[in-house]
Structures are given as C-alpha cells and as structure tokens.
Amino acid sequence: MIHGNIFDNLPAPAHNEFLETLVQRENVRIERIVSHGHTSPEGFWYDQETDEWVMIVQGSARLAFQDGRDEVPLGSGDHIHLPAHMKHRVSWTDPAVTTIWLAVHF
C-alpha cells in the first residue's frame, strides 16, 4: 500500500520542474509534476512512447502542439488525454502560483 497527499512536501521554486514518480507498474506510471512558471525549452517537443493523461490539480498551464492545433489552456481540475507520439510542449505555467500536475502514463 502507498499512502500520501499530493500537497505534501512541495519543493521550493528551482531552475527545473520537479518530477516525482508516485507509483510505477509494468504498464502504468503515475507522476506528480510541480511547476513554478516553468516551460518546455524552446524548440523541444515531448514525443512519448505511451499515452499520457494529465490533470492540473492546482494552478494553471498551457500546452502547445507541433501539428499546429490551438494551444490548450488548463486550470485546476482540467485534464487532457495525449495519445502516444502526439508531440506537445508546455508553453506556459503560472509564475505566481505553484502548478501541480498529476500525470498517468499508460
């Protein structure tokens, strides 16, 4: 059994986003990501081998897509499913509020 609270032990702002694997099994990985105004590096696109479902627990962000579709704004409670190989990047996270993501890779 694993027990915790998504808001416990939040890291202080740092140069990089904070990523923590909460649970990992053969075909599933659940992560907590903490952003303090972080974005993906210019020109970088995530191109993941697996699907990802991500939800903003707190804060806000925007995702951009290499295929040119409109950016997707995300706020607390919003979630999105990103199929494998959908190239995307974090174009903005709120610099004034800690953004906490819950990401499920499957």
N, C-alpha and C. Protein backbone atom coordinates (compact mmCIF):
# COMPACT_ATOMS: atom_id res chain seq x y z
N MET A 1 0.85 -1.17 0.00
CA MET A 1 0.00 0.00 0.00
C MET A 1 0.90 1.24 0.00
N ILE A 2 0.49 2.22 -0.77
CA ILE A 2 1.18 3.51 -0.81
C ILE A 2 0.18 4.57 -0.38
N HIS A 3 0.56 5.42 0.56
CA HIS A 3 -0.35 6.43 1.08
C HIS A 3 0.37 7.77 1.11
N GLY A 4 -0.29 8.84 0.71
CA GLY A 4 0.32 10.15 0.74
C GLY A 4 -0.70 11.23 0.44
N ASN A 5 -0.20 12.44 0.28
CA ASN A 5 -1.04 13.58 -0.06
C ASN A 5 -0.33 14.37 -1.15
N ILE A 6 -1.02 14.67 -2.22
CA ILE A 6 -0.44 15.34 -3.39
C ILE A 6 0.18 16.70 -3.02
N PHE A 7 -0.28 17.30 -1.91
CA PHE A 7 0.20 18.61 -1.50
C PHE A 7 1.36 18.55 -0.49
N ASP A 8 1.72 17.35 -0.04
CA ASP A 8 2.80 17.21 0.93
C ASP A 8 4.17 17.42 0.29
N ASN A 9 5.07 18.01 1.05
CA ASN A 9 6.48 18.15 0.67
C ASN A 9 6.68 18.79 -0.71
N LEU A 10 5.94 19.86 -0.97
CA LEU A 10 6.12 20.57 -2.23
C LEU A 10 7.50 21.23 -2.24
N PRO A 11 8.22 21.09 -3.34
CA PRO A 11 9.56 21.67 -3.40
C PRO A 11 9.51 23.18 -3.57
N ALA A 12 10.54 23.84 -3.11
CA ALA A 12 10.68 25.28 -3.33
C ALA A 12 10.96 25.52 -4.81
N PRO A 13 10.64 26.71 -5.32
CA PRO A 13 10.97 27.01 -6.71
C PRO A 13 12.45 26.75 -6.99
N ALA A 14 12.71 26.17 -8.14
CA ALA A 14 14.07 25.84 -8.55
C ALA A 14 14.19 26.08 -10.05
N HIS A 15 15.38 25.88 -10.58
CA HIS A 15 15.64 26.11 -12.00
C HIS A 15 14.79 25.19 -12.89
N ASN A 16 14.61 23.94 -12.45
CA ASN A 16 13.85 22.95 -13.23
C ASN A 16 12.56 22.57 -12.54
N GLU A 17 11.61 22.08 -13.33
CA GLU A 17 10.40 21.48 -12.78
C GLU A 17 10.79 20.32 -11.87
N PHE A 18 9.93 20.02 -10.93
CA PHE A 18 10.13 18.87 -10.04
C PHE A 18 9.23 17.75 -10.52
N LEU A 19 9.79 16.57 -10.73
CA LEU A 19 9.04 15.41 -11.19
C LEU A 19 9.27 14.27 -10.21
N GLU A 20 8.17 13.66 -9.77
CA GLU A 20 8.25 12.58 -8.80
C GLU A 20 7.33 11.45 -9.24
N THR A 21 7.88 10.24 -9.36
CA THR A 21 7.06 9.06 -9.66
C THR A 21 6.40 8.61 -8.36
N LEU A 22 5.06 8.58 -8.37
CA LEU A 22 4.31 8.17 -7.19
C LEU A 22 4.08 6.67 -7.17
N VAL A 23 3.78 6.10 -8.34
CA VAL A 23 3.53 4.66 -8.49
C VAL A 23 4.00 4.25 -9.88
N GLN A 24 4.67 3.10 -9.94
CA GLN A 24 5.05 2.57 -11.25
C GLN A 24 4.84 1.07 -11.25
N ARG A 25 4.17 0.61 -12.28
CA ARG A 25 3.94 -0.81 -12.51
C ARG A 25 4.32 -1.09 -13.96
N GLU A 26 4.16 -2.32 -14.39
CA GLU A 26 4.64 -2.72 -15.72
C GLU A 26 4.15 -1.80 -16.84
N ASN A 27 2.87 -1.46 -16.85
CA ASN A 27 2.31 -0.68 -17.96
C ASN A 27 1.75 0.67 -17.54
N VAL A 28 2.01 1.10 -16.31
CA VAL A 28 1.45 2.36 -15.80
C VAL A 28 2.48 3.07 -14.95
N ARG A 29 2.58 4.39 -15.13
CA ARG A 29 3.41 5.23 -14.27
C ARG A 29 2.60 6.47 -13.91
N ILE A 30 2.51 6.77 -12.62
CA ILE A 30 1.79 7.94 -12.15
C ILE A 30 2.81 8.89 -11.54
N GLU A 31 2.78 10.16 -12.01
CA GLU A 31 3.76 11.15 -11.59
C GLU A 31 3.08 12.38 -11.02
N ARG A 32 3.80 13.03 -10.11
CA ARG A 32 3.45 14.38 -9.67
C ARG A 32 4.52 15.30 -10.25
N ILE A 33 4.07 16.34 -10.93
CA ILE A 33 4.97 17.33 -11.50
C ILE A 33 4.64 18.67 -10.86
N VAL A 34 5.66 19.39 -10.43
CA VAL A 34 5.46 20.69 -9.79
C VAL A 34 6.19 21.74 -10.61
N SER A 35 5.44 22.75 -11.06
CA SER A 35 5.98 23.83 -11.88
C SER A 35 5.84 25.16 -11.17
N HIS A 36 6.84 25.99 -11.33
CA HIS A 36 6.81 27.37 -10.80
C HIS A 36 7.13 28.31 -11.95
N GLY A 37 6.21 28.43 -12.91
CA GLY A 37 6.47 29.27 -14.07
C GLY A 37 7.34 28.60 -15.12
N HIS A 38 7.55 27.29 -15.02
CA HIS A 38 8.40 26.58 -15.97
C HIS A 38 7.70 26.37 -17.31
N THR A 39 8.49 26.27 -18.34
CA THR A 39 8.02 25.91 -19.68
C THR A 39 9.00 24.90 -20.27
N SER A 40 8.58 24.24 -21.34
CA SER A 40 9.50 23.36 -22.06
C SER A 40 10.52 24.24 -22.77
N PRO A 41 11.74 23.73 -22.94
CA PRO A 41 12.75 24.51 -23.67
C PRO A 41 12.26 24.86 -25.08
N GLU A 42 12.63 26.03 -25.56
CA GLU A 42 12.25 26.47 -26.91
C GLU A 42 12.67 25.42 -27.93
N GLY A 43 11.74 25.04 -28.80
CA GLY A 43 12.03 24.07 -29.85
C GLY A 43 11.95 22.62 -29.41
N PHE A 44 11.72 22.35 -28.11
CA PHE A 44 11.63 20.98 -27.60
C PHE A 44 10.18 20.52 -27.66
N TRP A 45 9.99 19.26 -28.09
CA TRP A 45 8.66 18.65 -28.13
C TRP A 45 8.71 17.30 -27.45
N TYR A 46 7.80 17.06 -26.51
CA TYR A 46 7.66 15.71 -25.96
C TYR A 46 7.13 14.81 -27.06
N ASP A 47 7.74 13.65 -27.23
CA ASP A 47 7.31 12.63 -28.19
C ASP A 47 7.38 11.30 -27.45
N GLN A 48 6.33 10.98 -26.73
CA GLN A 48 6.32 9.87 -25.79
C GLN A 48 5.85 8.58 -26.43
N GLU A 49 6.42 7.49 -25.96
CA GLU A 49 6.10 6.15 -26.47
C GLU A 49 4.75 5.65 -25.98
N THR A 50 4.23 6.25 -24.91
CA THR A 50 2.97 5.80 -24.32
C THR A 50 1.96 6.94 -24.29
N ASP A 51 0.70 6.59 -24.10
CA ASP A 51 -0.34 7.59 -23.87
C ASP A 51 -0.08 8.27 -22.53
N GLU A 52 -0.59 9.50 -22.40
CA GLU A 52 -0.50 10.21 -21.14
C GLU A 52 -1.83 10.90 -20.88
N TRP A 53 -2.31 10.75 -19.66
CA TRP A 53 -3.47 11.50 -19.19
C TRP A 53 -2.93 12.41 -18.11
N VAL A 54 -3.21 13.71 -18.23
CA VAL A 54 -2.66 14.66 -17.27
C VAL A 54 -3.78 15.58 -16.77
N MET A 55 -3.70 15.92 -15.47
CA MET A 55 -4.68 16.80 -14.86
C MET A 55 -3.93 17.86 -14.06
N ILE A 56 -4.46 19.07 -14.09
CA ILE A 56 -3.94 20.13 -13.23
C ILE A 56 -4.69 20.06 -11.91
N VAL A 57 -3.97 19.79 -10.85
CA VAL A 57 -4.56 19.72 -9.51
C VAL A 57 -4.70 21.12 -8.94
N GLN A 58 -3.68 21.95 -9.19
CA GLN A 58 -3.63 23.32 -8.68
C GLN A 58 -2.84 24.15 -9.67
N GLY A 59 -3.23 25.39 -9.86
CA GLY A 59 -2.51 26.29 -10.74
C GLY A 59 -3.07 26.28 -12.14
N SER A 60 -2.23 26.66 -13.11
CA SER A 60 -2.68 26.69 -14.50
C SER A 60 -1.48 26.58 -15.43
N ALA A 61 -1.80 26.15 -16.67
CA ALA A 61 -0.75 25.91 -17.66
C ALA A 61 -1.38 25.99 -19.05
N ARG A 62 -0.51 25.97 -20.06
CA ARG A 62 -0.95 25.85 -21.46
C ARG A 62 -0.06 24.84 -22.15
N LEU A 63 -0.68 24.01 -22.99
CA LEU A 63 0.04 23.05 -23.80
C LEU A 63 -0.04 23.48 -25.26
N ALA A 64 1.09 23.38 -25.96
CA ALA A 64 1.16 23.65 -27.39
C ALA A 64 1.45 22.34 -28.11
N PHE A 65 1.07 22.29 -29.39
CA PHE A 65 1.20 21.05 -30.17
C PHE A 65 1.94 21.33 -31.47
N GLN A 66 2.82 20.41 -31.83
CA GLN A 66 3.65 20.60 -33.02
C GLN A 66 2.81 20.60 -34.29
N ASP A 67 1.66 19.91 -34.29
CA ASP A 67 0.85 19.83 -35.51
C ASP A 67 0.07 21.10 -35.80
N GLY A 68 0.23 22.14 -34.97
CA GLY A 68 -0.39 23.43 -35.26
C GLY A 68 -1.77 23.63 -34.66
N ARG A 69 -2.32 22.64 -34.02
CA ARG A 69 -3.64 22.84 -33.40
C ARG A 69 -3.53 23.92 -32.33
N ASP A 70 -4.65 24.50 -31.93
CA ASP A 70 -4.67 25.56 -30.93
C ASP A 70 -4.08 25.08 -29.61
N GLU A 71 -3.41 26.01 -28.91
CA GLU A 71 -2.94 25.71 -27.56
C GLU A 71 -4.14 25.40 -26.67
N VAL A 72 -3.91 24.54 -25.68
CA VAL A 72 -4.96 24.17 -24.73
C VAL A 72 -4.63 24.76 -23.37
N PRO A 73 -5.49 25.67 -22.87
CA PRO A 73 -5.30 26.18 -21.51
C PRO A 73 -5.86 25.16 -20.51
N LEU A 74 -5.15 25.00 -19.40
CA LEU A 74 -5.58 24.07 -18.36
C LEU A 74 -5.56 24.79 -17.02
N GLY A 75 -6.62 24.63 -16.25
CA GLY A 75 -6.70 25.17 -14.90
C GLY A 75 -7.01 24.05 -13.93
N SER A 76 -7.13 24.39 -12.67
CA SER A 76 -7.39 23.38 -11.64
C SER A 76 -8.58 22.51 -12.01
N GLY A 77 -8.36 21.22 -12.01
CA GLY A 77 -9.40 20.26 -12.34
C GLY A 77 -9.45 19.87 -13.81
N ASP A 78 -8.84 20.64 -14.69
CA ASP A 78 -8.85 20.30 -16.12
C ASP A 78 -7.91 19.13 -16.39
N HIS A 79 -8.32 18.30 -17.35
CA HIS A 79 -7.47 17.16 -17.73
C HIS A 79 -7.50 16.99 -19.24
N ILE A 80 -6.49 16.27 -19.74
CA ILE A 80 -6.37 16.03 -21.17
C ILE A 80 -5.69 14.69 -21.39
N HIS A 81 -6.13 13.99 -22.43
CA HIS A 81 -5.50 12.73 -22.85
C HIS A 81 -4.62 13.02 -24.05
N LEU A 82 -3.36 12.64 -23.97
CA LEU A 82 -2.40 12.85 -25.06
C LEU A 82 -1.99 11.47 -25.59
N PRO A 83 -2.46 11.10 -26.78
CA PRO A 83 -2.06 9.80 -27.34
C PRO A 83 -0.55 9.73 -27.55
N ALA A 84 -0.03 8.52 -27.55
CA ALA A 84 1.40 8.32 -27.79
C ALA A 84 1.81 9.04 -29.07
N HIS A 85 2.97 9.65 -29.04
CA HIS A 85 3.59 10.36 -30.17
C HIS A 85 2.88 11.64 -30.59
N MET A 86 1.93 12.13 -29.78
CA MET A 86 1.37 13.45 -30.04
C MET A 86 2.39 14.46 -29.49
N LYS A 87 3.11 15.09 -30.39
CA LYS A 87 4.18 15.99 -29.98
C LYS A 87 3.59 17.25 -29.36
N HIS A 88 4.03 17.52 -28.12
CA HIS A 88 3.48 18.63 -27.35
C HIS A 88 4.57 19.21 -26.47
N ARG A 89 4.30 20.39 -25.96
CA ARG A 89 5.22 21.07 -25.05
C ARG A 89 4.42 21.94 -24.09
N VAL A 90 5.01 22.25 -22.96
CA VAL A 90 4.40 23.17 -22.01
C VAL A 90 4.83 24.57 -22.42
N SER A 91 3.88 25.37 -22.89
CA SER A 91 4.21 26.72 -23.37
C SER A 91 4.13 27.77 -22.26
N TRP A 92 3.45 27.42 -21.14
CA TRP A 92 3.31 28.39 -20.04
C TRP A 92 2.81 27.68 -18.80
N THR A 93 3.34 28.05 -17.64
CA THR A 93 2.73 27.73 -16.35
C THR A 93 2.73 29.02 -15.53
N ASP A 94 1.78 29.13 -14.66
CA ASP A 94 1.60 30.35 -13.87
C ASP A 94 2.81 30.60 -12.97
N PRO A 95 3.50 31.73 -13.14
CA PRO A 95 4.66 32.00 -12.30
C PRO A 95 4.29 32.45 -10.89
N ALA A 96 3.02 32.83 -10.67
CA ALA A 96 2.60 33.35 -9.38
C ALA A 96 2.02 32.28 -8.46
N VAL A 97 1.65 31.13 -9.03
CA VAL A 97 1.01 30.06 -8.26
C VAL A 97 1.70 28.75 -8.59
N THR A 98 2.00 27.96 -7.59
CA THR A 98 2.58 26.64 -7.83
C THR A 98 1.58 25.80 -8.61
N THR A 99 2.03 25.25 -9.75
CA THR A 99 1.18 24.38 -10.56
C THR A 99 1.54 22.94 -10.25
N ILE A 100 0.54 22.16 -9.85
CA ILE A 100 0.74 20.75 -9.55
C ILE A 100 -0.02 19.94 -10.60
N TRP A 101 0.73 19.09 -11.29
CA TRP A 101 0.18 18.21 -12.32
C TRP A 101 0.11 16.78 -11.76
N LEU A 102 -0.89 16.03 -12.19
CA LEU A 102 -0.94 14.60 -11.95
C LEU A 102 -0.94 13.95 -13.34
N ALA A 103 0.10 13.18 -13.63
CA ALA A 103 0.26 12.59 -14.96
C ALA A 103 0.22 11.06 -14.85
N VAL A 104 -0.57 10.44 -15.71
CA VAL A 104 -0.66 8.99 -15.76
C VAL A 104 -0.20 8.56 -17.15
N HIS A 105 0.87 7.79 -17.20
CA HIS A 105 1.42 7.25 -18.46
C HIS A 105 1.00 5.79 -18.55
N PHE A 106 0.43 5.42 -19.70
CA PHE A 106 -0.06 4.03 -19.85
C PHE A 106 0.05 3.57 -21.29
